[in-house]
Amino acid sequence: MSKSYKKRLHFHRMGILKKLIPVSILPLLIVVLLVTVQILSQAPGKWSVDTIVLSTVDATTVYEAHSGSDTVALITDAKGRSFVVSQMKPTEASRVLKAGTSYTATYASEFGRLHIRGLCKENGDTIIDINKSIKVYESNRTASTVICLVCLGIMVVLFIIVFIFFCKEERKQIKHLKKKIKQLSLSSPIN
């Protein structure tokens, strides 16, 4: 008899779980996406520094979470490496950067592309300030952390609402079945 009660108890617990899972899917997907992006984004301490000789300036499209797609500069050095310069439009880069000139580039490898984080002329004049790039990185990381915490908080609130208002019958049945199982265990003879 108690096996039947335990099966019914399991059935009602699974009913609660089935109601809780849908409210967790979207918040968890957002958290997983943001955490993945942060893991794949190189931290400033891992950025590379190299002297590059500019060969060409072109255009490329980048996708930003807050602004969608954007056309930015893509520079190629004499070694054939391409660098995304998301801080500059192609026209601005063509005006400021000169082919055949050496630059000190600080860059990160992200999502299969090299992204310029700092760029200086040979004489030390700053074109792209690395400190601004570090602040952007830290700001993005902080924003991602806050969004993750908000999503998890929303998920917990939704769990509570669903559990309290939409799982009344399951909770009532579980309480009843636990009481029956306890009564059966107390009344059964000890072997």
Protein backbone atom coordinates (compact mmCIF):
# COMPACT_ATOMS: atom_id res chain seq x y z
CA MET A 1 0.00 0.00 0.00
CA SER A 2 2.80 2.45 0.85
CA LYS A 3 4.40 1.85 -2.58
CA SER A 4 1.25 3.17 -4.19
CA TYR A 5 1.37 6.26 -1.97
CA LYS A 6 5.04 6.80 -2.79
CA LYS A 7 4.31 6.60 -6.53
CA ARG A 8 1.52 9.14 -6.15
CA LEU A 9 3.81 11.34 -4.05
CA HIS A 10 6.45 11.19 -6.81
CA PHE A 11 3.76 11.99 -9.42
CA HIS A 12 2.69 15.17 -7.58
CA ARG A 13 6.29 16.27 -7.02
CA MET A 14 6.93 15.88 -10.74
CA GLY A 15 3.78 17.95 -11.40
CA ILE A 16 5.29 20.81 -9.39
CA LEU A 17 8.59 20.44 -11.24
CA LYS A 18 6.81 20.53 -14.62
CA LYS A 19 5.24 23.84 -13.65
CA LEU A 20 8.53 25.32 -12.43
CA ILE A 21 10.69 24.37 -15.43
CA PRO A 22 9.00 26.68 -18.01
CA VAL A 23 9.53 29.78 -15.84
CA SER A 24 13.23 29.00 -15.55
CA ILE A 25 14.08 28.46 -19.23
CA LEU A 26 14.35 32.08 -20.45
CA PRO A 27 16.22 33.45 -17.41
CA LEU A 28 18.66 30.53 -17.51
CA LEU A 29 19.24 30.96 -21.27
CA ILE A 30 20.05 34.65 -20.74
CA VAL A 31 22.44 33.80 -17.90
CA VAL A 32 24.17 31.06 -19.92
CA LEU A 33 24.53 33.39 -22.93
CA LEU A 34 26.01 36.25 -20.87
CA VAL A 35 28.36 33.97 -18.95
CA THR A 36 29.53 32.38 -22.22
CA VAL A 37 30.22 35.80 -23.76
CA GLN A 38 32.19 36.84 -20.67
CA ILE A 39 34.19 33.62 -20.68
CA LEU A 40 35.03 34.05 -24.37
CA SER A 41 35.98 37.74 -23.96
CA GLN A 42 39.67 38.10 -23.24
CA ALA A 43 40.49 39.93 -20.04
CA PRO A 44 42.83 42.94 -20.32
CA GLY A 45 45.66 40.96 -18.74
CA LYS A 46 45.59 38.55 -21.69
CA TRP A 47 45.60 41.18 -24.43
CA SER A 48 48.56 41.04 -26.82
CA VAL A 49 50.84 43.94 -27.78
CA ASP A 50 52.62 44.02 -31.12
CA THR A 51 54.07 46.47 -33.63
CA ILE A 52 52.09 46.37 -36.85
CA VAL A 53 52.74 47.99 -40.23
CA LEU A 54 49.41 49.10 -41.69
CA SER A 55 48.62 47.74 -45.13
CA THR A 56 44.94 48.50 -45.79
CA VAL A 57 41.83 49.97 -44.17
CA ASP A 58 38.51 48.35 -44.98
CA ALA A 59 35.05 47.95 -43.44
CA THR A 60 33.46 45.10 -41.49
CA THR A 61 30.28 44.49 -39.55
CA VAL A 62 30.26 43.75 -35.84
CA TYR A 63 27.31 42.77 -33.68
CA GLU A 64 26.88 44.46 -30.33
CA ALA A 65 24.28 43.40 -27.76
CA HIS A 66 23.20 46.97 -27.00
CA SER A 67 23.24 48.45 -30.52
CA GLY A 68 22.79 45.57 -32.97
CA SER A 69 25.04 45.49 -36.04
CA ASP A 70 27.47 48.29 -36.83
CA THR A 71 29.93 48.95 -39.66
CA VAL A 72 33.42 49.63 -38.30
CA ALA A 73 37.00 49.75 -39.56
CA LEU A 74 38.96 46.63 -40.39
CA ILE A 75 42.69 47.12 -40.77
CA THR A 76 45.16 44.67 -42.26
CA ASP A 77 48.85 44.69 -41.44
CA ALA A 78 51.79 43.82 -43.68
CA LYS A 79 51.75 40.23 -42.32
CA GLY A 80 48.17 39.78 -43.54
CA ARG A 81 46.54 39.85 -40.11
CA SER A 82 43.17 41.63 -39.93
CA PHE A 83 42.13 43.64 -36.88
CA VAL A 84 38.63 44.92 -36.09
CA VAL A 85 38.73 48.55 -34.95
CA SER A 86 35.26 48.91 -33.41
CA GLN A 87 36.15 52.38 -32.05
CA MET A 88 36.37 53.86 -35.59
CA LYS A 89 34.24 54.04 -38.69
CA PRO A 90 36.04 53.09 -41.92
CA THR A 91 36.12 56.69 -43.17
CA GLU A 92 37.67 57.95 -39.92
CA ALA A 93 40.24 55.15 -39.92
CA SER A 94 41.18 55.92 -43.55
CA ARG A 95 41.72 59.56 -42.59
CA VAL A 96 43.69 58.93 -39.37
CA LEU A 97 45.70 55.80 -40.24
CA LYS A 98 48.27 55.74 -43.05
CA ALA A 99 49.38 52.70 -45.06
CA GLY A 100 53.02 51.77 -44.54
CA THR A 101 53.13 53.39 -41.09
CA SER A 102 54.08 51.42 -37.96
CA TYR A 103 51.73 51.39 -34.98
CA THR A 104 51.85 49.75 -31.57
CA ALA A 105 48.65 47.73 -31.30
CA THR A 106 47.11 46.17 -28.21
CA TYR A 107 44.55 43.60 -29.27
CA ALA A 108 42.35 40.79 -28.02
CA SER A 109 41.39 37.60 -29.80
CA GLU A 110 37.64 37.18 -29.45
CA PHE A 111 35.20 35.02 -31.35
CA GLY A 112 37.82 34.16 -33.97
CA ARG A 113 38.75 37.78 -34.73
CA LEU A 114 41.45 40.15 -33.52
CA HIS A 115 40.01 43.31 -31.93
CA ILE A 116 42.10 46.45 -31.39
CA ARG A 117 41.95 47.64 -27.77
CA GLY A 118 44.72 50.24 -27.94
CA LEU A 119 46.60 51.86 -30.80
CA CYS A 120 49.56 54.29 -30.73
CA LYS A 121 51.78 55.89 -33.34
CA GLU A 122 55.54 55.20 -33.22
CA ASN A 123 56.08 58.60 -31.58
CA GLY A 124 53.75 57.59 -28.72
CA ASP A 125 50.67 59.60 -29.76
CA THR A 126 47.57 57.69 -28.70
CA ILE A 127 44.97 56.95 -31.36
CA ILE A 128 42.88 54.50 -29.31
CA ASP A 129 43.26 54.76 -25.54
CA ILE A 130 43.76 51.35 -23.94
CA ASN A 131 42.46 52.69 -20.61
CA LYS A 132 39.08 53.43 -22.22
CA SER A 133 39.00 49.88 -23.60
CA ILE A 134 39.74 48.50 -20.12
CA LYS A 135 36.89 50.61 -18.68
CA VAL A 136 34.53 49.34 -21.40
CA TYR A 137 35.55 45.74 -20.63
CA GLU A 138 34.96 46.24 -16.89
CA SER A 139 31.66 48.05 -17.52
CA ASN A 140 30.45 45.23 -19.77
CA ARG A 141 31.45 42.63 -17.19
CA THR A 142 29.65 44.53 -14.42
CA ALA A 143 26.53 44.95 -16.58
CA SER A 144 26.54 41.24 -17.44
CA THR A 145 26.85 40.30 -13.77
CA VAL A 146 23.97 42.60 -12.81
CA ILE A 147 21.77 41.24 -15.61
CA CYS A 148 22.57 37.65 -14.55
CA LEU A 149 21.66 38.43 -10.94
CA VAL A 150 18.43 40.16 -12.00
CA CYS A 151 17.49 37.18 -14.21
CA LEU A 152 18.14 34.75 -11.37
CA GLY A 153 16.15 36.97 -8.99
CA ILE A 154 13.22 37.09 -11.43
CA MET A 155 13.40 33.31 -11.76
CA VAL A 156 13.24 32.87 -7.98
CA VAL A 157 10.24 35.24 -7.73
CA LEU A 158 8.50 33.35 -10.54
CA PHE A 159 9.23 30.05 -8.77
CA ILE A 160 7.65 31.38 -5.59
CA ILE A 161 4.58 32.70 -7.43
CA VAL A 162 4.08 29.46 -9.36
CA PHE A 163 4.68 27.34 -6.25
CA ILE A 164 2.27 29.33 -4.07
CA PHE A 165 -0.53 30.08 -6.55
CA PHE A 166 -0.33 27.37 -9.22
CA CYS A 167 0.79 24.31 -7.25
CA LYS A 168 -1.85 24.38 -4.49
CA GLU A 169 -3.41 21.07 -5.44
CA GLU A 170 -0.05 19.29 -5.73
CA ARG A 171 1.12 20.64 -2.37
CA LYS A 172 -2.17 19.60 -0.76
CA GLN A 173 -1.87 16.08 -2.20
CA ILE A 174 1.79 15.79 -1.16
CA LYS A 175 0.94 16.82 2.41
CA HIS A 176 -1.91 14.32 2.49
CA LEU A 177 0.22 11.49 1.06
CA LYS A 178 3.10 12.17 3.48
CA LYS A 179 0.63 11.96 6.35
CA LYS A 180 -0.72 8.62 5.03
CA ILE A 181 2.80 7.21 4.56
CA LYS A 182 3.73 8.29 8.09
CA GLN A 183 0.59 6.66 9.50
CA LEU A 184 1.33 3.45 7.62
CA SER A 185 4.93 3.36 8.83
CA LEU A 186 3.82 3.86 12.46
CA SER A 187 1.11 1.22 12.25
CA SER A 188 3.12 -1.45 10.45
CA PRO A 189 4.62 -4.19 12.67
CA ILE A 190 8.37 -4.21 13.20
CA ASN A 191 10.08 -7.29 11.75
